[in-house]
């Protein structure tokens, strides 16, 4: 009986902890993959939702983002690529991308709303959400 109570207490505690692991507004609630493992890969835009709620489908020429686990990032569009670096910020709730283009340094930071193995939703400073899918 004592062991059963210990098991139940442990199981309930574990469920409570796992249920509160939701770092991002749109999920996932729980993942066995680390955030770094989920964000690395090649992402193509699928949908764009403006701050006014207007939703549009991304077009084939809207490019792609290649995020490497080493911290490098490449933006590709129509055969042209820009290389830079990325890092998590704000306790891994944001991603900061730094690019150098013709000697000018550009820094962009996005709030991560959803980070799944095949989905990445980023919100920019204008509250526009770009929904990416893994390529």
N, C-alpha and C. Protein backbone atom coordinates (compact mmCIF):
# COMPACT_ATOMS: atom_id res chain seq x y z
N UNK A 1 0.82 -1.19 0.00
CA UNK A 1 0.00 0.00 0.00
C UNK A 1 0.87 1.26 0.00
N UNK A 2 1.96 1.24 0.81
CA UNK A 2 2.86 2.39 0.87
C UNK A 2 3.50 2.66 -0.49
N UNK A 3 3.95 1.58 -1.17
CA UNK A 3 4.57 1.74 -2.48
C UNK A 3 3.58 2.27 -3.50
N UNK A 4 2.32 1.85 -3.40
CA UNK A 4 1.30 2.31 -4.32
C UNK A 4 1.07 3.81 -4.14
N UNK A 5 1.02 4.27 -2.92
CA UNK A 5 0.83 5.70 -2.64
C UNK A 5 2.03 6.52 -3.15
N UNK A 6 3.24 6.00 -2.95
CA UNK A 6 4.43 6.70 -3.44
C UNK A 6 4.39 6.79 -4.96
N UNK A 7 3.99 5.69 -5.62
CA UNK A 7 3.91 5.69 -7.07
C UNK A 7 2.87 6.69 -7.56
N UNK A 8 1.70 6.71 -6.92
CA UNK A 8 0.64 7.63 -7.32
C UNK A 8 1.07 9.09 -7.13
N UNK A 9 1.72 9.36 -6.03
CA UNK A 9 2.20 10.72 -5.76
C UNK A 9 3.23 11.14 -6.81
N UNK A 10 4.16 10.23 -7.12
CA UNK A 10 5.18 10.51 -8.12
C UNK A 10 4.53 10.71 -9.49
N UNK A 11 3.59 9.85 -9.86
CA UNK A 11 2.92 9.95 -11.16
C UNK A 11 2.14 11.26 -11.29
N UNK A 12 1.41 11.65 -10.25
CA UNK A 12 0.66 12.90 -10.28
C UNK A 12 1.60 14.11 -10.37
N UNK A 13 2.68 14.06 -9.66
CA UNK A 13 3.67 15.14 -9.72
C UNK A 13 4.28 15.25 -11.09
N UNK A 14 4.59 14.11 -11.71
CA UNK A 14 5.15 14.11 -13.04
C UNK A 14 4.16 14.66 -14.06
N UNK A 15 2.90 14.28 -13.95
CA UNK A 15 1.87 14.80 -14.85
C UNK A 15 1.72 16.31 -14.70
N UNK A 16 1.79 16.80 -13.48
CA UNK A 16 1.69 18.24 -13.24
C UNK A 16 2.86 18.98 -13.88
N UNK A 17 4.07 18.45 -13.71
CA UNK A 17 5.26 19.09 -14.27
C UNK A 17 5.20 19.05 -15.79
N UNK A 18 4.88 17.90 -16.38
CA UNK A 18 4.83 17.79 -17.84
C UNK A 18 3.71 18.64 -18.42
N UNK A 19 2.64 18.78 -17.72
CA UNK A 19 1.52 19.59 -18.20
C UNK A 19 1.85 21.07 -18.21
N UNK A 20 2.84 21.48 -17.44
CA UNK A 20 3.20 22.89 -17.38
C UNK A 20 4.45 23.21 -18.19
N UNK A 21 4.87 22.31 -19.09
CA UNK A 21 6.09 22.50 -19.88
C UNK A 21 5.86 23.31 -21.14
N UNK A 22 4.76 23.95 -21.29
CA UNK A 22 4.44 24.67 -22.51
C UNK A 22 5.17 26.01 -22.54
N UNK A 23 6.29 26.07 -23.24
CA UNK A 23 7.09 27.29 -23.32
C UNK A 23 6.49 28.26 -24.34
N UNK A 24 5.94 27.74 -25.42
CA UNK A 24 5.47 28.57 -26.52
C UNK A 24 3.95 28.62 -26.55
N UNK A 25 3.41 29.79 -26.93
CA UNK A 25 1.96 30.02 -26.91
C UNK A 25 1.19 28.96 -27.68
N UNK A 26 1.71 28.54 -28.81
CA UNK A 26 1.00 27.61 -29.69
C UNK A 26 1.53 26.18 -29.60
N UNK A 27 2.38 25.91 -28.64
CA UNK A 27 2.82 24.53 -28.41
C UNK A 27 4.18 24.23 -28.98
N UNK A 28 4.56 22.99 -28.79
CA UNK A 28 3.80 21.88 -28.24
C UNK A 28 3.82 21.88 -26.73
N UNK A 29 2.93 21.12 -26.15
CA UNK A 29 2.87 21.02 -24.69
C UNK A 29 4.11 20.31 -24.15
N UNK A 30 4.59 19.30 -24.90
CA UNK A 30 5.72 18.51 -24.44
C UNK A 30 6.44 17.92 -25.64
N UNK A 31 7.76 17.84 -25.59
CA UNK A 31 8.53 17.23 -26.65
C UNK A 31 9.76 16.57 -26.07
N UNK A 32 10.12 15.42 -26.62
CA UNK A 32 11.34 14.75 -26.20
C UNK A 32 12.58 15.35 -26.87
N UNK A 33 12.36 16.08 -27.97
CA UNK A 33 13.47 16.74 -28.66
C UNK A 33 13.77 18.08 -28.00
N UNK A 34 15.04 18.45 -27.97
CA UNK A 34 15.41 19.74 -27.41
C UNK A 34 14.96 20.86 -28.35
N UNK A 35 14.91 22.06 -27.85
CA UNK A 35 14.52 23.20 -28.67
C UNK A 35 15.50 23.39 -29.82
N UNK A 36 16.78 23.20 -29.55
CA UNK A 36 17.80 23.34 -30.58
C UNK A 36 17.61 22.28 -31.68
N UNK A 37 17.28 21.06 -31.28
CA UNK A 37 17.05 20.00 -32.26
C UNK A 37 15.82 20.31 -33.12
N UNK A 38 14.79 20.89 -32.51
CA UNK A 38 13.57 21.18 -33.25
C UNK A 38 13.73 22.36 -34.20
N UNK A 39 14.54 23.34 -33.84
CA UNK A 39 14.64 24.54 -34.67
C UNK A 39 15.62 24.39 -35.83
N UNK A 40 16.56 23.46 -35.72
CA UNK A 40 17.53 23.30 -36.80
C UNK A 40 16.90 22.58 -37.98
N UNK A 41 17.28 23.03 -39.17
CA UNK A 41 16.77 22.44 -40.40
C UNK A 41 16.46 23.52 -41.42
N UNK A 42 15.78 23.12 -42.47
CA UNK A 42 15.40 24.05 -43.54
C UNK A 42 13.91 24.33 -43.44
N UNK A 43 13.57 25.61 -43.37
CA UNK A 43 12.19 26.06 -43.18
C UNK A 43 11.73 26.89 -44.36
N UNK A 44 10.52 26.62 -44.83
CA UNK A 44 9.93 27.43 -45.90
C UNK A 44 8.64 28.04 -45.37
N UNK A 45 8.36 29.30 -45.72
CA UNK A 45 7.14 29.94 -45.24
C UNK A 45 5.91 29.28 -45.85
N UNK A 46 4.88 29.11 -45.02
CA UNK A 46 3.63 28.50 -45.45
C UNK A 46 2.50 29.52 -45.45
N UNK A 47 2.34 30.22 -44.31
CA UNK A 47 1.29 31.24 -44.18
C UNK A 47 1.86 32.46 -43.47
N UNK A 48 1.25 33.59 -43.78
CA UNK A 48 1.61 34.84 -43.10
C UNK A 48 0.31 35.44 -42.57
N UNK A 49 0.31 35.78 -41.28
CA UNK A 49 -0.87 36.36 -40.64
C UNK A 49 -0.47 37.73 -40.09
N UNK A 50 -1.10 38.78 -40.61
CA UNK A 50 -0.77 40.13 -40.17
C UNK A 50 -1.38 40.41 -38.79
N UNK A 51 -0.98 41.53 -38.21
CA UNK A 51 -1.52 41.91 -36.90
C UNK A 51 -3.02 42.17 -36.96
N UNK A 52 -3.53 42.48 -38.16
CA UNK A 52 -4.98 42.69 -38.34
C UNK A 52 -5.72 41.39 -38.54
N UNK A 53 -4.99 40.27 -38.60
CA UNK A 53 -5.62 38.96 -38.77
C UNK A 53 -5.80 38.53 -40.21
N UNK A 54 -5.23 39.29 -41.14
CA UNK A 54 -5.32 38.92 -42.56
C UNK A 54 -4.33 37.79 -42.82
N UNK A 55 -4.84 36.69 -43.34
CA UNK A 55 -4.02 35.50 -43.57
C UNK A 55 -3.79 35.30 -45.07
N UNK A 56 -2.53 35.12 -45.46
CA UNK A 56 -2.21 34.83 -46.85
C UNK A 56 -1.28 33.63 -46.91
N UNK A 57 -1.38 32.89 -47.99
CA UNK A 57 -0.47 31.78 -48.21
C UNK A 57 0.83 32.32 -48.78
N UNK A 58 1.93 31.77 -48.32
CA UNK A 58 3.23 32.17 -48.84
C UNK A 58 3.38 31.62 -50.25
N UNK A 59 4.16 32.29 -51.05
CA UNK A 59 4.39 31.86 -52.42
C UNK A 59 5.74 31.16 -52.53
N UNK A 60 5.92 30.39 -53.59
CA UNK A 60 7.13 29.60 -53.78
C UNK A 60 8.40 30.46 -53.75
N UNK A 61 8.33 31.68 -54.23
CA UNK A 61 9.50 32.55 -54.28
C UNK A 61 9.81 33.28 -52.98
N UNK A 62 9.07 32.98 -51.91
CA UNK A 62 9.28 33.68 -50.64
C UNK A 62 10.52 33.22 -49.89
N UNK A 63 11.26 32.27 -50.45
CA UNK A 63 12.54 31.87 -49.88
C UNK A 63 12.46 30.81 -48.81
N UNK A 64 13.59 30.61 -48.16
CA UNK A 64 13.69 29.63 -47.09
C UNK A 64 14.76 30.06 -46.09
N UNK A 65 14.67 29.48 -44.91
CA UNK A 65 15.65 29.73 -43.86
C UNK A 65 16.31 28.40 -43.52
N UNK A 66 17.64 28.38 -43.51
CA UNK A 66 18.38 27.18 -43.11
C UNK A 66 19.05 27.49 -41.78
N UNK A 67 18.63 26.81 -40.73
CA UNK A 67 19.17 27.02 -39.39
C UNK A 67 20.01 25.82 -39.01
N UNK A 68 21.28 26.06 -38.71
CA UNK A 68 22.21 24.99 -38.37
C UNK A 68 22.43 24.95 -36.86
N UNK A 69 22.65 23.75 -36.34
CA UNK A 69 22.83 23.61 -34.89
C UNK A 69 24.11 24.28 -34.39
N UNK A 70 25.04 24.58 -35.30
CA UNK A 70 26.29 25.24 -34.91
C UNK A 70 26.10 26.72 -34.59
N UNK A 71 24.91 27.27 -34.97
CA UNK A 71 24.66 28.68 -34.73
C UNK A 71 24.68 29.52 -35.99
N UNK A 72 24.89 28.87 -37.14
CA UNK A 72 24.85 29.63 -38.39
C UNK A 72 23.45 29.56 -39.00
N UNK A 73 23.14 30.56 -39.81
CA UNK A 73 21.83 30.65 -40.45
C UNK A 73 22.02 31.21 -41.85
N UNK A 74 21.20 30.74 -42.79
CA UNK A 74 21.24 31.25 -44.16
C UNK A 74 19.83 31.56 -44.61
N UNK A 75 19.64 32.77 -45.14
CA UNK A 75 18.38 33.14 -45.77
C UNK A 75 18.58 32.98 -47.27
N UNK A 76 17.72 32.18 -47.90
CA UNK A 76 17.84 31.95 -49.34
C UNK A 76 16.57 32.41 -50.03
N UNK A 77 16.75 33.15 -51.13
CA UNK A 77 15.62 33.56 -51.94
C UNK A 77 16.09 33.73 -53.37
N UNK A 78 15.40 33.12 -54.29
CA UNK A 78 15.66 33.23 -55.73
C UNK A 78 17.14 33.09 -56.07
N UNK A 79 17.79 32.05 -55.54
CA UNK A 79 19.18 31.79 -55.86
C UNK A 79 20.20 32.64 -55.13
N UNK A 80 19.76 33.49 -54.24
CA UNK A 80 20.64 34.39 -53.50
C UNK A 80 20.60 34.02 -52.02
N UNK A 81 21.75 33.98 -51.36
CA UNK A 81 21.78 33.62 -49.96
C UNK A 81 22.52 34.64 -49.11
N UNK A 82 22.01 34.84 -47.91
CA UNK A 82 22.66 35.73 -46.93
C UNK A 82 22.98 34.88 -45.71
N UNK A 83 24.25 34.88 -45.31
CA UNK A 83 24.68 34.09 -44.15
C UNK A 83 24.75 34.94 -42.90
N UNK A 84 24.51 34.29 -41.77
CA UNK A 84 24.59 34.98 -40.50
C UNK A 84 24.65 33.99 -39.34
N UNK A 85 24.31 34.49 -38.18
CA UNK A 85 24.31 33.69 -36.96
C UNK A 85 22.97 33.80 -36.28
N UNK A 86 22.63 32.79 -35.48
CA UNK A 86 21.39 32.82 -34.71
C UNK A 86 21.68 32.36 -33.29
N UNK A 87 20.79 32.78 -32.38
CA UNK A 87 20.85 32.31 -31.00
C UNK A 87 19.49 32.48 -30.35
N UNK A 88 19.23 31.63 -29.37
CA UNK A 88 18.02 31.80 -28.57
C UNK A 88 18.24 32.97 -27.61
N UNK A 89 17.18 33.74 -27.33
CA UNK A 89 17.23 34.79 -26.33
C UNK A 89 15.97 34.69 -25.48
N UNK A 90 15.93 35.47 -24.41
CA UNK A 90 14.76 35.54 -23.54
C UNK A 90 14.34 34.15 -23.07
N UNK A 91 15.29 33.41 -22.51
CA UNK A 91 15.02 32.07 -21.98
C UNK A 91 14.45 31.14 -23.06
N UNK A 92 15.01 31.24 -24.27
CA UNK A 92 14.64 30.42 -25.43
C UNK A 92 13.21 30.67 -25.92
N UNK A 93 12.65 31.83 -25.58
CA UNK A 93 11.33 32.19 -26.09
C UNK A 93 11.44 32.98 -27.39
N UNK A 94 12.64 33.50 -27.69
CA UNK A 94 12.88 34.29 -28.89
C UNK A 94 14.07 33.72 -29.64
N UNK A 95 14.16 34.06 -30.91
CA UNK A 95 15.34 33.75 -31.70
C UNK A 95 15.87 35.06 -32.28
N UNK A 96 17.17 35.26 -32.13
CA UNK A 96 17.82 36.47 -32.65
C UNK A 96 18.70 36.05 -33.82
N UNK A 97 18.50 36.73 -34.97
CA UNK A 97 19.27 36.45 -36.18
C UNK A 97 20.12 37.68 -36.51
N UNK A 98 21.41 37.46 -36.74
CA UNK A 98 22.33 38.54 -37.05
C UNK A 98 22.95 38.28 -38.42
N UNK A 99 22.83 39.26 -39.31
CA UNK A 99 23.36 39.14 -40.67
C UNK A 99 24.27 40.32 -40.97
N UNK A 100 25.27 40.06 -41.81
CA UNK A 100 26.11 41.13 -42.35
C UNK A 100 25.89 41.15 -43.84
N UNK A 101 25.49 42.29 -44.35
CA UNK A 101 25.17 42.43 -45.76
C UNK A 101 25.85 43.69 -46.27
N UNK A 102 26.84 43.51 -47.15
CA UNK A 102 27.63 44.62 -47.67
C UNK A 102 28.20 45.48 -46.54
N UNK A 103 28.72 44.82 -45.51
CA UNK A 103 29.35 45.52 -44.41
C UNK A 103 28.40 46.06 -43.36
N UNK A 104 27.12 45.98 -43.60
CA UNK A 104 26.13 46.46 -42.64
C UNK A 104 25.61 45.29 -41.81
N UNK A 105 25.60 45.47 -40.51
CA UNK A 105 25.10 44.43 -39.60
C UNK A 105 23.61 44.66 -39.34
N UNK A 106 22.82 43.61 -39.50
CA UNK A 106 21.38 43.67 -39.27
C UNK A 106 21.02 42.62 -38.23
N UNK A 107 20.26 43.03 -37.22
CA UNK A 107 19.81 42.11 -36.18
C UNK A 107 18.29 42.08 -36.19
N UNK A 108 17.74 40.89 -36.26
CA UNK A 108 16.29 40.70 -36.21
C UNK A 108 15.99 39.73 -35.08
N UNK A 109 14.98 40.06 -34.29
CA UNK A 109 14.57 39.16 -33.20
C UNK A 109 13.09 38.86 -33.35
N UNK A 110 12.76 37.59 -33.19
CA UNK A 110 11.39 37.12 -33.34
C UNK A 110 10.96 36.35 -32.10
N UNK A 111 9.70 36.48 -31.74
CA UNK A 111 9.13 35.66 -30.67
C UNK A 111 8.73 34.33 -31.29
N UNK A 112 9.09 33.24 -30.65
CA UNK A 112 8.72 31.91 -31.12
C UNK A 112 7.36 31.57 -30.52
N UNK A 113 6.37 31.39 -31.38
CA UNK A 113 5.02 31.04 -30.92
C UNK A 113 4.79 29.54 -30.94
N UNK A 114 5.39 28.86 -31.89
CA UNK A 114 5.22 27.41 -32.03
C UNK A 114 6.54 26.84 -32.52
N UNK A 115 7.00 25.77 -31.87
CA UNK A 115 8.24 25.12 -32.27
C UNK A 115 8.07 23.62 -32.17
N UNK A 116 7.67 23.04 -33.28
CA UNK A 116 7.54 21.60 -33.39
C UNK A 116 8.58 21.11 -34.39
N UNK A 117 8.72 19.82 -34.50
CA UNK A 117 9.70 19.25 -35.40
C UNK A 117 9.48 19.68 -36.84
N UNK A 118 8.23 19.88 -37.24
CA UNK A 118 7.90 20.23 -38.63
C UNK A 118 7.22 21.59 -38.77
N UNK A 119 7.07 22.34 -37.67
CA UNK A 119 6.40 23.65 -37.71
C UNK A 119 7.17 24.66 -36.87
N UNK A 120 7.27 25.88 -37.39
CA UNK A 120 7.92 26.99 -36.69
C UNK A 120 7.12 28.24 -36.98
N UNK A 121 6.58 28.86 -35.93
CA UNK A 121 5.82 30.10 -36.09
C UNK A 121 6.61 31.22 -35.41
N UNK A 122 6.92 32.27 -36.17
CA UNK A 122 7.68 33.40 -35.64
C UNK A 122 6.86 34.68 -35.75
N UNK A 123 6.86 35.48 -34.67
CA UNK A 123 6.16 36.77 -34.67
C UNK A 123 7.20 37.88 -34.63
N UNK A 124 7.08 38.83 -35.58
CA UNK A 124 8.04 39.92 -35.65
C UNK A 124 7.57 41.11 -34.81
N UNK A 125 8.33 42.21 -34.87
CA UNK A 125 8.03 43.38 -34.05
C UNK A 125 6.74 44.08 -34.46
N UNK A 126 6.25 43.81 -35.67
CA UNK A 126 4.98 44.37 -36.14
C UNK A 126 3.79 43.46 -35.84
N UNK A 127 4.04 42.40 -35.06
CA UNK A 127 3.03 41.40 -34.71
C UNK A 127 2.53 40.60 -35.91
N UNK A 128 3.34 40.52 -36.95
CA UNK A 128 3.03 39.66 -38.08
C UNK A 128 3.63 38.28 -37.78
N UNK A 129 2.81 37.25 -37.97
CA UNK A 129 3.25 35.88 -37.70
C UNK A 129 3.50 35.18 -39.03
N UNK A 130 4.70 34.64 -39.17
CA UNK A 130 5.02 33.82 -40.33
C UNK A 130 5.09 32.37 -39.86
N UNK A 131 4.28 31.54 -40.50
CA UNK A 131 4.23 30.12 -40.16
C UNK A 131 5.08 29.36 -41.17
N UNK A 132 6.13 28.71 -40.69
CA UNK A 132 7.05 27.95 -41.52
C UNK A 132 6.78 26.46 -41.36
N UNK A 133 7.09 25.71 -42.42
CA UNK A 133 7.04 24.25 -42.36
C UNK A 133 8.42 23.73 -42.76
N UNK A 134 8.75 22.56 -42.24
CA UNK A 134 10.06 21.96 -42.55
C UNK A 134 10.07 21.51 -44.01
N UNK A 135 11.20 21.71 -44.64
CA UNK A 135 11.32 21.32 -46.04
C UNK A 135 11.83 19.90 -46.12
